[in-house]
């Protein structure tokens, strides 16, 4: 087998990612065990067994990463999984919906950060966009509504801006469609 093709296949099957993630998690577990085992007066051989077990688990994790792939439809054998080019989620899929909701939440937090740091232009731009984006306002604690803009102290740095006052004077936009 061509070494370049083999390395490409390792990358496609995300074996590198699993190896790095496993190494990080194992390192954290060993650090925690080195603190907790003496606290609970575990004999020294327990730490040796623990470290041996996580080291022996590394090749198992790599073999599983090679053989199986995590897709939006669940865990599948790598041969059954779609080729690399066709993995983008389709519009309307569960992943797209999650990204849409989380994206609006993150942009709301960015707007707050910009407002608190004195960048009114960016903050107001994001607020205007979020208030007119369908499904971005869900009347939860982490979304932005005109009522929230009127009542929450976090928006105080923007209160003197005429664009922000215009937003506050307007009606609550309809962004939830059923």
Protein backbone atom coordinates (compact mmCIF):
# COMPACT_ATOMS: atom_id res chain seq x y z
CA UNK A 1 0.00 0.00 0.00
CA UNK A 2 1.19 3.48 -0.87
CA UNK A 3 2.20 5.38 2.32
CA UNK A 4 0.59 8.60 1.08
CA UNK A 5 -2.70 6.80 0.40
CA UNK A 6 -2.55 5.14 3.81
CA UNK A 7 -2.02 8.48 5.56
CA UNK A 8 -4.86 10.00 3.55
CA UNK A 9 -7.11 7.14 4.58
CA UNK A 10 -6.13 7.63 8.25
CA UNK A 11 -7.09 11.27 7.92
CA UNK A 12 -10.38 10.48 6.15
CA UNK A 13 -11.36 8.00 8.84
CA UNK A 14 -10.38 10.55 11.53
CA UNK A 15 -7.95 8.21 13.23
CA UNK A 16 -5.65 11.17 13.94
CA UNK A 17 -8.43 13.00 15.77
CA UNK A 18 -9.22 9.96 17.88
CA UNK A 19 -5.53 9.50 18.76
CA UNK A 20 -5.13 13.11 19.86
CA UNK A 21 -8.42 13.13 21.78
CA UNK A 22 -7.55 9.83 23.47
CA UNK A 23 -4.12 11.11 24.48
CA UNK A 24 -5.60 14.28 25.99
CA UNK A 25 -8.33 12.44 27.89
CA UNK A 26 -5.90 9.78 29.14
CA UNK A 27 -3.47 12.45 30.31
CA UNK A 28 -6.27 14.18 32.24
CA UNK A 29 -7.43 10.88 33.74
CA UNK A 30 -3.92 9.97 34.85
CA UNK A 31 -3.48 13.41 36.41
CA UNK A 32 -6.78 13.05 38.26
CA UNK A 33 -5.92 9.50 39.35
CA UNK A 34 -2.51 10.57 40.66
CA UNK A 35 -4.31 13.08 42.89
CA UNK A 36 -7.33 11.01 43.90
CA UNK A 37 -5.84 7.55 44.42
CA UNK A 38 -3.54 8.67 47.29
CA UNK A 39 -6.42 10.69 48.76
CA UNK A 40 -8.49 7.53 49.06
CA UNK A 41 -5.44 5.55 50.23
CA UNK A 42 -5.44 3.20 47.26
CA UNK A 43 -2.45 0.84 47.14
CA UNK A 44 0.26 1.74 44.59
CA UNK A 45 -0.57 -1.20 42.33
CA UNK A 46 -3.99 0.36 41.57
CA UNK A 47 -2.28 3.25 39.77
CA UNK A 48 -0.10 0.81 37.82
CA UNK A 49 -3.14 -1.20 36.73
CA UNK A 50 -5.01 1.98 35.79
CA UNK A 51 -2.14 3.32 33.66
CA UNK A 52 -1.67 -0.09 32.00
CA UNK A 53 -5.39 -0.29 31.19
CA UNK A 54 -5.52 3.13 29.55
CA UNK A 55 -2.34 2.42 27.60
CA UNK A 56 -3.78 -0.89 26.36
CA UNK A 57 -6.97 0.94 25.42
CA UNK A 58 -5.11 3.17 22.95
CA UNK A 59 -4.74 0.62 20.13
CA UNK A 60 -8.33 -0.49 20.70
CA UNK A 61 -9.50 3.11 20.24
CA UNK A 62 -7.48 3.42 17.02
CA UNK A 63 -8.90 0.17 15.64
CA UNK A 64 -12.44 1.31 16.45
CA UNK A 65 -11.74 4.68 14.82
CA UNK A 66 -10.54 2.88 11.69
CA UNK A 67 -13.50 0.49 11.54
CA UNK A 68 -16.37 2.82 12.52
CA UNK A 69 -17.39 6.36 11.76
CA UNK A 70 -19.66 8.73 13.66
CA UNK A 71 -22.20 10.26 11.25
CA UNK A 72 -25.34 12.35 11.78
CA UNK A 73 -27.26 9.07 11.33
CA UNK A 74 -25.30 7.31 14.08
CA UNK A 75 -22.30 5.00 14.25
CA UNK A 76 -21.65 3.16 10.99
CA UNK A 77 -18.95 0.93 9.60
CA UNK A 78 -16.49 3.05 7.63
CA UNK A 79 -17.27 1.23 4.37
CA UNK A 80 -20.99 2.03 4.80
CA UNK A 81 -20.36 5.67 5.59
CA UNK A 82 -20.77 8.19 2.80
CA UNK A 83 -17.64 9.33 0.98
CA UNK A 84 -15.95 12.50 2.20
CA UNK A 85 -17.54 14.79 -0.39
CA UNK A 86 -21.15 13.96 0.55
CA UNK A 87 -21.00 14.49 4.31
CA UNK A 88 -22.40 18.01 4.40
CA UNK A 89 -25.71 18.09 6.26
CA UNK A 90 -28.76 18.70 4.13
CA UNK A 91 -30.92 21.76 4.76
CA UNK A 92 -33.57 20.93 7.32
CA UNK A 93 -31.56 18.18 8.99
CA UNK A 94 -31.17 17.95 12.75
CA UNK A 95 -27.60 19.27 12.62
CA UNK A 96 -28.59 22.32 10.58
CA UNK A 97 -31.35 23.13 13.06
CA UNK A 98 -28.97 22.83 16.01
CA UNK A 99 -26.41 25.07 14.31
CA UNK A 100 -29.09 27.64 13.51
CA UNK A 101 -30.29 27.86 17.11
CA UNK A 102 -26.82 27.83 18.62
CA UNK A 103 -25.57 30.35 16.07
CA UNK A 104 -28.24 32.84 17.11
CA UNK A 105 -27.40 32.30 20.78
CA UNK A 106 -23.69 32.84 20.15
CA UNK A 107 -24.38 35.97 18.11
CA UNK A 108 -26.54 37.26 20.95
CA UNK A 109 -23.63 36.80 23.33
CA UNK A 110 -21.32 38.56 20.87
CA UNK A 111 -23.75 41.47 20.73
CA UNK A 112 -23.64 41.69 24.52
CA UNK A 113 -19.84 41.59 24.50
CA UNK A 114 -19.65 44.31 21.87
CA UNK A 115 -22.13 46.45 23.81
CA UNK A 116 -20.23 46.07 27.09
CA UNK A 117 -16.90 46.86 25.37
CA UNK A 118 -18.20 50.02 23.73
CA UNK A 119 -18.45 48.77 20.13
CA UNK A 120 -21.99 50.04 19.52
CA UNK A 121 -21.86 49.63 15.74
CA UNK A 122 -21.23 45.88 15.85
CA UNK A 123 -23.60 45.33 18.76
CA UNK A 124 -26.51 47.14 17.11
CA UNK A 125 -25.84 45.43 13.77
CA UNK A 126 -26.06 42.02 15.45
CA UNK A 127 -29.16 42.96 17.44
CA UNK A 128 -30.95 44.19 14.31
CA UNK A 129 -30.02 41.02 12.45
CA UNK A 130 -31.14 38.75 15.29
CA UNK A 131 -34.46 40.54 15.71
CA UNK A 132 -35.28 39.95 12.05
CA UNK A 133 -33.93 36.39 11.73
CA UNK A 134 -36.65 33.73 11.79
CA UNK A 135 -36.44 31.46 14.85
CA UNK A 136 -33.54 33.44 16.39
CA UNK A 137 -35.87 34.84 19.06
CA UNK A 138 -37.43 32.03 21.05
CA UNK A 139 -38.27 34.01 24.20
CA UNK A 140 -35.79 32.02 26.27
CA UNK A 141 -33.13 33.42 28.56
CA UNK A 142 -30.42 33.30 25.92
CA UNK A 143 -32.25 35.00 23.04
CA UNK A 144 -32.71 38.70 22.34
CA UNK A 145 -36.15 40.31 22.35
CA UNK A 146 -37.11 43.99 22.32
CA UNK A 147 -38.49 43.47 25.82
CA UNK A 148 -35.07 42.17 26.96
CA UNK A 149 -33.37 45.14 25.34
CA UNK A 150 -35.64 47.48 27.29
CA UNK A 151 -35.24 45.78 30.67
CA UNK A 152 -31.80 44.20 30.97
CA UNK A 153 -28.99 46.30 32.42
CA UNK A 154 -26.41 44.70 30.12
CA UNK A 155 -27.65 46.89 27.28
CA UNK A 156 -27.16 50.19 29.20
CA UNK A 157 -24.08 51.27 27.19
CA UNK A 158 -26.26 51.39 24.05
CA UNK A 159 -29.21 53.33 25.50
CA UNK A 160 -27.94 56.73 24.32
CA UNK A 161 -27.46 55.58 20.71
CA UNK A 162 -30.32 56.78 18.42
CA UNK A 163 -30.29 53.49 16.46
CA UNK A 164 -30.80 51.54 19.69
CA UNK A 165 -33.60 53.92 20.74
CA UNK A 166 -35.29 53.31 17.38
CA UNK A 167 -35.14 49.54 18.00
CA UNK A 168 -36.65 50.02 21.46
CA UNK A 169 -39.44 52.24 20.12
CA UNK A 170 -40.48 49.67 17.53
CA UNK A 171 -42.80 46.72 18.04
CA UNK A 172 -41.64 43.22 18.88
CA UNK A 173 -40.82 41.65 15.47
CA UNK A 174 -42.45 38.39 14.49
CA UNK A 175 -39.64 35.84 14.26
CA UNK A 176 -41.36 32.62 15.29
CA UNK A 177 -43.49 31.08 12.56
CA UNK A 178 -45.76 28.15 13.29
